[in-house]
Amino acid sequence: MAYKFALDEITTKINILQEEFRLTHESSPIEHVNTRVKSPESLFKKVAKQKVGLSLQEIKENIRDIAGIRIICSFVSDIYRVFDMIKRQTDIEIVEVKDYIKQPKPNGYQSLHVIMKVPVFMSDRMEKVYVEMQIRTIAMDFWASLEHKIYYKYNKQVPSYLTDELHEAAIAASQLDQKMERLNNEVNVLKAHNQEDDRLLAKDDLAQIMLEIMENIGVHTKNVQ
């Protein structure tokens, strides 16, 4: 229950940021959001694998991804932009950051992983709950989803030629992200120039309108200092 409530809290924060960007900007850095709470079966497999004690307190302190939220962005720069916005939330405590974008895993996996504590206010207490946040691009998410399906299909015994091709695909996905980032930057530069041209044209139009108004009311431009 506490983990579900923690996801509700962080999801609300993300929704507010998305709505703010829709209202004040032309687009949002957040494409879409997914959440999940680990199933009891998955949780106990991880408890056994990590040899964590079976007390509730030990599980809560050592298994920090029971509640998970994944944020998908269009561009790599958006990932760090969203993370900065999350860090500025004063009621959220950032516990750990693993940047698999600057330092990808050996198999090519990329994502920004953040472990945080989210306050949950219930009828009789306030509890800080661990939540794992993953922030990645569409290309990163597509690759991770494909890799997960392949490993699931082969029960984690993937042939070496497939792991090699997966690594090549990860490199291609990273190159795609870099290319899209460059294109986005170029578009932003062009848009800024166009906006400046529009602003100058608007000033010229305003000056012409003022002259016409002054002439219509009998004020000649030669008399205007």
C-alpha atoms as a PDB file:
ATOM      1  CA  MET A   1       0.000   0.000   0.000  1.00  0.00           C
ATOM      2  CA  ALA A   2       2.765   2.452   0.936  1.00  0.00           C
ATOM      3  CA  TYR A   3       4.609   1.772  -2.339  1.00  0.00           C
ATOM      4  CA  LYS A   4       1.483   2.345  -4.383  1.00  0.00           C
ATOM      5  CA  PHE A   5       0.891   5.635  -2.567  1.00  0.00           C
ATOM      6  CA  ALA A   6       4.517   6.669  -3.167  1.00  0.00           C
ATOM      7  CA  LEU A   7       4.031   6.093  -6.910  1.00  0.00           C
ATOM      8  CA  ASP A   8       0.817   8.121  -6.772  1.00  0.00           C
ATOM      9  CA  GLU A   9       2.768  10.981  -5.163  1.00  0.00           C
ATOM     10  CA  ILE A  10       5.613  11.027  -7.697  1.00  0.00           C
ATOM     11  CA  THR A  11       3.229  10.505 -10.629  1.00  0.00           C
ATOM     12  CA  THR A  12       1.252  13.560  -9.536  1.00  0.00           C
ATOM     13  CA  LYS A  13       4.451  15.607  -9.497  1.00  0.00           C
ATOM     14  CA  ILE A  14       5.340  14.426 -13.005  1.00  0.00           C
ATOM     15  CA  ASN A  15       1.821  15.165 -14.272  1.00  0.00           C
ATOM     16  CA  ILE A  16       2.047  18.703 -12.892  1.00  0.00           C
ATOM     17  CA  LEU A  17       5.370  19.249 -14.681  1.00  0.00           C
ATOM     18  CA  GLN A  18       3.909  17.899 -17.925  1.00  0.00           C
ATOM     19  CA  GLU A  19       0.856  20.134 -17.689  1.00  0.00           C
ATOM     20  CA  GLU A  20       2.978  23.170 -16.855  1.00  0.00           C
ATOM     21  CA  PHE A  21       5.086  22.614 -19.960  1.00  0.00           C
ATOM     22  CA  ARG A  22       2.007  22.189 -22.125  1.00  0.00           C
ATOM     23  CA  LEU A  23       0.635  25.497 -20.873  1.00  0.00           C
ATOM     24  CA  THR A  24       3.835  27.554 -20.910  1.00  0.00           C
ATOM     25  CA  HIS A  25       5.912  25.922 -23.664  1.00  0.00           C
ATOM     26  CA  GLU A  26       5.251  24.455 -27.082  1.00  0.00           C
ATOM     27  CA  SER A  27       6.173  20.928 -25.967  1.00  0.00           C
ATOM     28  CA  SER A  28       7.053  18.854 -22.908  1.00  0.00           C
ATOM     29  CA  PRO A  29      10.371  17.019 -22.382  1.00  0.00           C
ATOM     30  CA  ILE A  30       8.333  14.068 -21.063  1.00  0.00           C
ATOM     31  CA  GLU A  31       6.860  11.755 -23.701  1.00  0.00           C
ATOM     32  CA  HIS A  32       5.158   9.242 -21.420  1.00  0.00           C
ATOM     33  CA  VAL A  33       5.371   7.645 -17.973  1.00  0.00           C
ATOM     34  CA  ASN A  34       5.020   4.050 -16.731  1.00  0.00           C
ATOM     35  CA  THR A  35       4.827   2.825 -13.149  1.00  0.00           C
ATOM     36  CA  ARG A  36       4.880  -0.566 -11.486  1.00  0.00           C
ATOM     37  CA  VAL A  37       5.060  -2.206  -8.065  1.00  0.00           C
ATOM     38  CA  LYS A  38       7.034  -5.455  -7.920  1.00  0.00           C
ATOM     39  CA  SER A  39       4.917  -8.564  -7.592  1.00  0.00           C
ATOM     40  CA  PRO A  40       5.425 -10.636  -4.423  1.00  0.00           C
ATOM     41  CA  GLU A  41       7.001 -13.409  -6.533  1.00  0.00           C
ATOM     42  CA  SER A  42       9.503 -11.041  -8.148  1.00  0.00           C
ATOM     43  CA  LEU A  43      10.260  -9.429  -4.794  1.00  0.00           C
ATOM     44  CA  PHE A  44      11.045 -12.693  -3.036  1.00  0.00           C
ATOM     45  CA  LYS A  45      13.244 -13.852  -5.926  1.00  0.00           C
ATOM     46  CA  LYS A  46      15.302 -10.690  -5.492  1.00  0.00           C
ATOM     47  CA  VAL A  47      15.372 -11.116  -1.696  1.00  0.00           C
ATOM     48  CA  ALA A  48      16.736 -14.644  -2.144  1.00  0.00           C
ATOM     49  CA  LYS A  49      19.234 -13.585  -4.833  1.00  0.00           C
ATOM     50  CA  GLN A  50      20.632 -10.752  -2.708  1.00  0.00           C
ATOM     51  CA  LYS A  51      20.437 -12.850   0.499  1.00  0.00           C
ATOM     52  CA  VAL A  52      18.434 -10.222   2.327  1.00  0.00           C
ATOM     53  CA  GLY A  53      16.851 -11.110   5.668  1.00  0.00           C
ATOM     54  CA  LEU A  54      13.142 -11.849   5.638  1.00  0.00           C
ATOM     55  CA  SER A  55      12.120  -9.190   8.147  1.00  0.00           C
ATOM     56  CA  LEU A  56       9.959  -6.421   6.729  1.00  0.00           C
ATOM     57  CA  GLN A  57      12.436  -3.745   7.802  1.00  0.00           C
ATOM     58  CA  GLU A  58      15.381  -5.455   6.088  1.00  0.00           C
ATOM     59  CA  ILE A  59      13.433  -5.888   2.865  1.00  0.00           C
ATOM     60  CA  LYS A  60      12.246  -2.271   2.894  1.00  0.00           C
ATOM     61  CA  GLU A  61      15.767  -0.956   3.457  1.00  0.00           C
ATOM     62  CA  ASN A  62      17.667  -3.220   1.055  1.00  0.00           C
ATOM     63  CA  ILE A  63      15.260  -3.707  -1.856  1.00  0.00           C
ATOM     64  CA  ARG A  64      14.869  -0.182  -3.165  1.00  0.00           C
ATOM     65  CA  ASP A  65      13.114  -0.797  -6.466  1.00  0.00           C
ATOM     66  CA  ILE A  66       9.850  -2.284  -5.185  1.00  0.00           C
ATOM     67  CA  ALA A  67       8.158   0.841  -6.520  1.00  0.00           C
ATOM     68  CA  GLY A  68       9.391   1.913  -9.939  1.00  0.00           C
ATOM     69  CA  ILE A  69       8.607   4.754 -12.331  1.00  0.00           C
ATOM     70  CA  ARG A  70       9.983   5.067 -15.862  1.00  0.00           C
ATOM     71  CA  ILE A  71       9.999   8.399 -17.680  1.00  0.00           C
ATOM     72  CA  ILE A  72      10.517   8.414 -21.444  1.00  0.00           C
ATOM     73  CA  CYS A  73      11.958  11.528 -23.102  1.00  0.00           C
ATOM     74  CA  SER A  74      12.630  12.495 -26.707  1.00  0.00           C
ATOM     75  CA  PHE A  75      16.202  13.700 -26.269  1.00  0.00           C
ATOM     76  CA  VAL A  76      19.144  12.945 -23.993  1.00  0.00           C
ATOM     77  CA  SER A  77      19.256  16.576 -22.830  1.00  0.00           C
ATOM     78  CA  ASP A  78      15.618  16.205 -21.725  1.00  0.00           C
ATOM     79  CA  ILE A  79      16.635  13.372 -19.393  1.00  0.00           C
ATOM     80  CA  TYR A  80      18.901  15.638 -17.365  1.00  0.00           C
ATOM     81  CA  ARG A  81      16.377  18.482 -17.621  1.00  0.00           C
ATOM     82  CA  VAL A  82      13.684  16.300 -16.043  1.00  0.00           C
ATOM     83  CA  PHE A  83      16.113  15.048 -13.387  1.00  0.00           C
ATOM     84  CA  ASP A  84      16.990  18.634 -12.437  1.00  0.00           C
ATOM     85  CA  MET A  85      13.285  19.418 -12.015  1.00  0.00           C
ATOM     86  CA  ILE A  86      12.851  16.367  -9.783  1.00  0.00           C
ATOM     87  CA  LYS A  87      15.880  17.345  -7.677  1.00  0.00           C
ATOM     88  CA  ARG A  88      14.346  20.746  -7.016  1.00  0.00           C
ATOM     89  CA  GLN A  89      11.326  19.132  -5.331  1.00  0.00           C
ATOM     90  CA  THR A  90      12.201  19.893  -1.711  1.00  0.00           C
ATOM     91  CA  ASP A  91      10.215  17.004  -0.227  1.00  0.00           C
ATOM     92  CA  ILE A  92      12.046  14.396  -2.315  1.00  0.00           C
ATOM     93  CA  GLU A  93      15.328  12.990  -1.007  1.00  0.00           C
ATOM     94  CA  ILE A  94      17.757  11.793  -3.688  1.00  0.00           C
ATOM     95  CA  VAL A  95      19.566   8.758  -2.275  1.00  0.00           C
ATOM     96  CA  GLU A  96      21.578   7.414  -5.217  1.00  0.00           C
ATOM     97  CA  VAL A  97      22.163   8.183  -8.888  1.00  0.00           C
ATOM     98  CA  LYS A  98      23.551   5.732 -11.450  1.00  0.00           C
ATOM     99  CA  ASP A  99      24.243   7.322 -14.826  1.00  0.00           C
ATOM    100  CA  TYR A 100      24.288   4.528 -17.393  1.00  0.00           C
ATOM    101  CA  ILE A 101      24.160   7.129 -20.170  1.00  0.00           C
ATOM    102  CA  LYS A 102      27.594   8.586 -19.539  1.00  0.00           C
ATOM    103  CA  GLN A 103      28.830   5.123 -18.540  1.00  0.00           C
ATOM    104  CA  PRO A 104      26.731   2.457 -20.319  1.00  0.00           C
ATOM    105  CA  LYS A 105      26.635  -1.103 -19.009  1.00  0.00           C
ATOM    106  CA  PRO A 106      28.894  -3.623 -20.823  1.00  0.00           C
ATOM    107  CA  ASN A 107      25.922  -4.930 -22.843  1.00  0.00           C
ATOM    108  CA  GLY A 108      25.176  -1.400 -24.114  1.00  0.00           C
ATOM    109  CA  TYR A 109      22.268  -0.606 -21.765  1.00  0.00           C
ATOM    110  CA  GLN A 110      21.689   3.124 -21.223  1.00  0.00           C
ATOM    111  CA  SER A 111      19.426   4.925 -18.764  1.00  0.00           C
ATOM    112  CA  LEU A 112      19.578   7.286 -15.805  1.00  0.00           C
ATOM    113  CA  HIS A 113      18.656   5.474 -12.576  1.00  0.00           C
ATOM    114  CA  VAL A 114      17.670   7.450  -9.506  1.00  0.00           C
ATOM    115  CA  ILE A 115      16.832   6.043  -6.076  1.00  0.00           C
ATOM    116  CA  MET A 116      14.783   8.508  -4.052  1.00  0.00           C
ATOM    117  CA  LYS A 117      12.709   8.668  -0.908  1.00  0.00           C
ATOM    118  CA  VAL A 118       9.169   9.949  -1.366  1.00  0.00           C
ATOM    119  CA  PRO A 119       7.091  11.043   1.652  1.00  0.00           C
ATOM    120  CA  VAL A 120       3.732   9.331   2.000  1.00  0.00           C
ATOM    121  CA  PHE A 121       1.249  10.883   4.431  1.00  0.00           C
ATOM    122  CA  MET A 122      -1.211   8.404   5.862  1.00  0.00           C
ATOM    123  CA  SER A 123      -3.855   8.705   8.563  1.00  0.00           C
ATOM    124  CA  ASP A 124      -1.539   7.771  11.433  1.00  0.00           C
ATOM    125  CA  ARG A 125       1.979   8.484  10.164  1.00  0.00           C
ATOM    126  CA  MET A 126       4.309   9.850   7.545  1.00  0.00           C
ATOM    127  CA  GLU A 127       6.526   7.288   5.884  1.00  0.00           C
ATOM    128  CA  LYS A 128       9.413   7.868   3.468  1.00  0.00           C
ATOM    129  CA  VAL A 129       9.278   5.210   0.777  1.00  0.00           C
ATOM    130  CA  TYR A 130      12.011   4.200  -1.654  1.00  0.00           C
ATOM    131  CA  VAL A 131      11.170   4.655  -5.324  1.00  0.00           C
ATOM    132  CA  GLU A 132      13.406   3.855  -8.263  1.00  0.00           C
ATOM    133  CA  MET A 133      13.104   6.257 -11.205  1.00  0.00           C
ATOM    134  CA  GLN A 134      14.467   5.404 -14.625  1.00  0.00           C
ATOM    135  CA  ILE A 135      14.707   8.187 -17.197  1.00  0.00           C
ATOM    136  CA  ARG A 136      15.594   7.288 -20.778  1.00  0.00           C
ATOM    137  CA  THR A 137      14.989   8.229 -24.393  1.00  0.00           C
ATOM    138  CA  ILE A 138      12.594   6.463 -26.754  1.00  0.00           C
ATOM    139  CA  ALA A 139      15.545   4.757 -28.463  1.00  0.00           C
ATOM    140  CA  MET A 140      17.004   3.587 -25.137  1.00  0.00           C
ATOM    141  CA  ASP A 141      13.626   2.255 -24.035  1.00  0.00           C
ATOM    142  CA  PHE A 142      13.071   0.413 -27.324  1.00  0.00           C
ATOM    143  CA  TRP A 143      16.465  -1.301 -27.028  1.00  0.00           C
ATOM    144  CA  ALA A 144      15.940  -2.214 -23.348  1.00  0.00           C
ATOM    145  CA  SER A 145      12.505  -3.659 -24.132  1.00  0.00           C
ATOM    146  CA  LEU A 146      13.905  -5.743 -26.991  1.00  0.00           C
ATOM    147  CA  GLU A 147      16.822  -6.978 -24.879  1.00  0.00           C
ATOM    148  CA  HIS A 148      14.456  -7.970 -22.053  1.00  0.00           C
ATOM    149  CA  LYS A 149      12.213  -9.949 -24.431  1.00  0.00           C
ATOM    150  CA  ILE A 150      15.165 -11.810 -25.945  1.00  0.00           C
ATOM    151  CA  TYR A 151      16.614 -12.712 -22.535  1.00  0.00           C
ATOM    152  CA  TYR A 152      13.180 -13.843 -21.337  1.00  0.00           C
ATOM    153  CA  LYS A 153      12.683 -16.000 -24.448  1.00  0.00           C
ATOM    154  CA  TYR A 154      16.047 -17.715 -24.017  1.00  0.00           C
ATOM    155  CA  ASN A 155      15.732 -17.918 -20.214  1.00  0.00           C
ATOM    156  CA  LYS A 156      18.834 -15.685 -19.930  1.00  0.00           C
ATOM    157  CA  GLN A 157      20.941 -18.205 -21.935  1.00  0.00           C
ATOM    158  CA  VAL A 158      21.302 -15.989 -24.993  1.00  0.00           C
ATOM    159  CA  PRO A 159      23.595 -17.167 -27.844  1.00  0.00           C
ATOM    160  CA  SER A 160      26.748 -15.097 -28.183  1.00  0.00           C
ATOM    161  CA  TYR A 161      25.927 -13.948 -31.711  1.00  0.00           C
ATOM    162  CA  LEU A 162      22.697 -12.414 -30.403  1.00  0.00           C
ATOM    163  CA  THR A 163      24.440 -10.589 -27.556  1.00  0.00           C
ATOM    164  CA  ASP A 164      26.917  -9.207 -30.110  1.00  0.00           C
ATOM    165  CA  GLU A 165      24.081  -7.967 -32.312  1.00  0.00           C
ATOM    166  CA  LEU A 166      22.301  -6.515 -29.305  1.00  0.00           C
ATOM    167  CA  HIS A 167      25.441  -4.577 -28.426  1.00  0.00           C
ATOM    168  CA  GLU A 168      25.664  -3.280 -31.994  1.00  0.00           C
ATOM    169  CA  ALA A 169      21.999  -2.260 -31.783  1.00  0.00           C
ATOM    170  CA  ALA A 170      22.730  -0.381 -28.544  1.00  0.00           C
ATOM    171  CA  ILE A 171      25.504   1.545 -30.304  1.00  0.00           C
ATOM    172  CA  ALA A 172      23.153   2.330 -33.201  1.00  0.00           C
ATOM    173  CA  ALA A 173      20.478   3.548 -30.752  1.00  0.00           C
ATOM    174  CA  SER A 174      23.026   5.808 -29.059  1.00  0.00           C
ATOM    175  CA  GLN A 175      24.129   7.217 -32.417  1.00  0.00           C
ATOM    176  CA  LEU A 176      20.479   7.852 -33.305  1.00  0.00           C
ATOM    177  CA  ASP A 177      19.999   9.768 -30.039  1.00  0.00           C
ATOM    178  CA  GLN A 178      23.079  11.883 -30.796  1.00  0.00           C
ATOM    179  CA  LYS A 179      21.868  12.648 -34.321  1.00  0.00           C
ATOM    180  CA  MET A 180      18.361  13.563 -33.134  1.00  0.00           C
ATOM    181  CA  GLU A 181      19.866  15.812 -30.442  1.00  0.00           C
ATOM    182  CA  ARG A 182      21.902  17.670 -33.090  1.00  0.00           C
ATOM    183  CA  LEU A 183      18.851  18.047 -35.318  1.00  0.00           C
ATOM    184  CA  ASN A 184      16.797  19.350 -32.411  1.00  0.00           C
ATOM    185  CA  ASN A 185      19.484  21.906 -31.543  1.00  0.00           C
ATOM    186  CA  GLU A 186      19.623  23.096 -35.163  1.00  0.00           C
ATOM    187  CA  VAL A 187      15.831  23.429 -35.293  1.00  0.00           C
ATOM    188  CA  ASN A 188      15.870  25.451 -32.061  1.00  0.00           C
ATOM    189  CA  VAL A 189      18.510  27.800 -33.498  1.00  0.00           C
ATOM    190  CA  LEU A 190      16.481  28.304 -36.693  1.00  0.00           C
ATOM    191  CA  LYS A 191      13.316  28.880 -34.679  1.00  0.00           C
ATOM    192  CA  ALA A 192      15.061  31.481 -32.519  1.00  0.00           C
ATOM    193  CA  HIS A 193      16.222  33.323 -35.657  1.00  0.00           C
ATOM    194  CA  ASN A 194      12.724  33.207 -37.142  1.00  0.00           C
ATOM    195  CA  GLN A 195      11.227  34.536 -33.917  1.00  0.00           C
ATOM    196  CA  GLU A 196      13.724  37.394 -33.927  1.00  0.00           C
ATOM    197  CA  ASP A 197      12.853  38.199 -37.567  1.00  0.00           C
ATOM    198  CA  ASP A 198       9.151  38.103 -36.698  1.00  0.00           C
ATOM    199  CA  ARG A 199       9.787  40.447 -33.762  1.00  0.00           C
ATOM    200  CA  LEU A 200      11.611  42.952 -35.977  1.00  0.00           C
ATOM    201  CA  LEU A 201       8.868  42.761 -38.601  1.00  0.00           C
ATOM    202  CA  ALA A 202       6.282  43.322 -35.881  1.00  0.00           C
ATOM    203  CA  LYS A 203       8.124  46.454 -34.746  1.00  0.00           C
ATOM    204  CA  ASP A 204       8.194  47.765 -38.330  1.00  0.00           C
ATOM    205  CA  ASP A 205       4.482  47.013 -38.734  1.00  0.00           C
ATOM    206  CA  LEU A 206       3.724  48.782 -35.448  1.00  0.00           C
ATOM    207  CA  ALA A 207       5.697  51.858 -36.559  1.00  0.00           C
ATOM    208  CA  GLN A 208       3.788  51.978 -39.857  1.00  0.00           C
ATOM    209  CA  ILE A 209       0.447  51.662 -38.054  1.00  0.00           C
ATOM    210  CA  MET A 210       1.397  54.502 -35.699  1.00  0.00           C
ATOM    211  CA  LEU A 211       2.307  56.731 -38.648  1.00  0.00           C
ATOM    212  CA  GLU A 212      -1.014  55.999 -40.348  1.00  0.00           C
ATOM    213  CA  ILE A 213      -2.935  56.762 -37.160  1.00  0.00           C
ATOM    214  CA  MET A 214      -1.070  60.043 -36.686  1.00  0.00           C
ATOM    215  CA  GLU A 215      -1.787  61.070 -40.278  1.00  0.00           C
ATOM    216  CA  ASN A 216      -5.464  60.172 -39.898  1.00  0.00           C
ATOM    217  CA  ILE A 217      -5.844  62.422 -36.860  1.00  0.00           C
ATOM    218  CA  GLY A 218      -4.008  65.294 -38.574  1.00  0.00           C
ATOM    219  CA  VAL A 219      -0.586  64.943 -37.017  1.00  0.00           C
ATOM    220  CA  HIS A 220       2.019  65.097 -39.775  1.00  0.00           C
ATOM    221  CA  THR A 221       5.149  63.040 -39.420  1.00  0.00           C
ATOM    222  CA  LYS A 222       7.364  66.035 -40.140  1.00  0.00           C
ATOM    223  CA  ASN A 223       6.155  67.620 -36.926  1.00  0.00           C
ATOM    224  CA  VAL A 224       7.072  64.570 -34.858  1.00  0.00           C
ATOM    225  CA  GLN A 225      10.450  64.799 -33.140  1.00  0.00           C
END
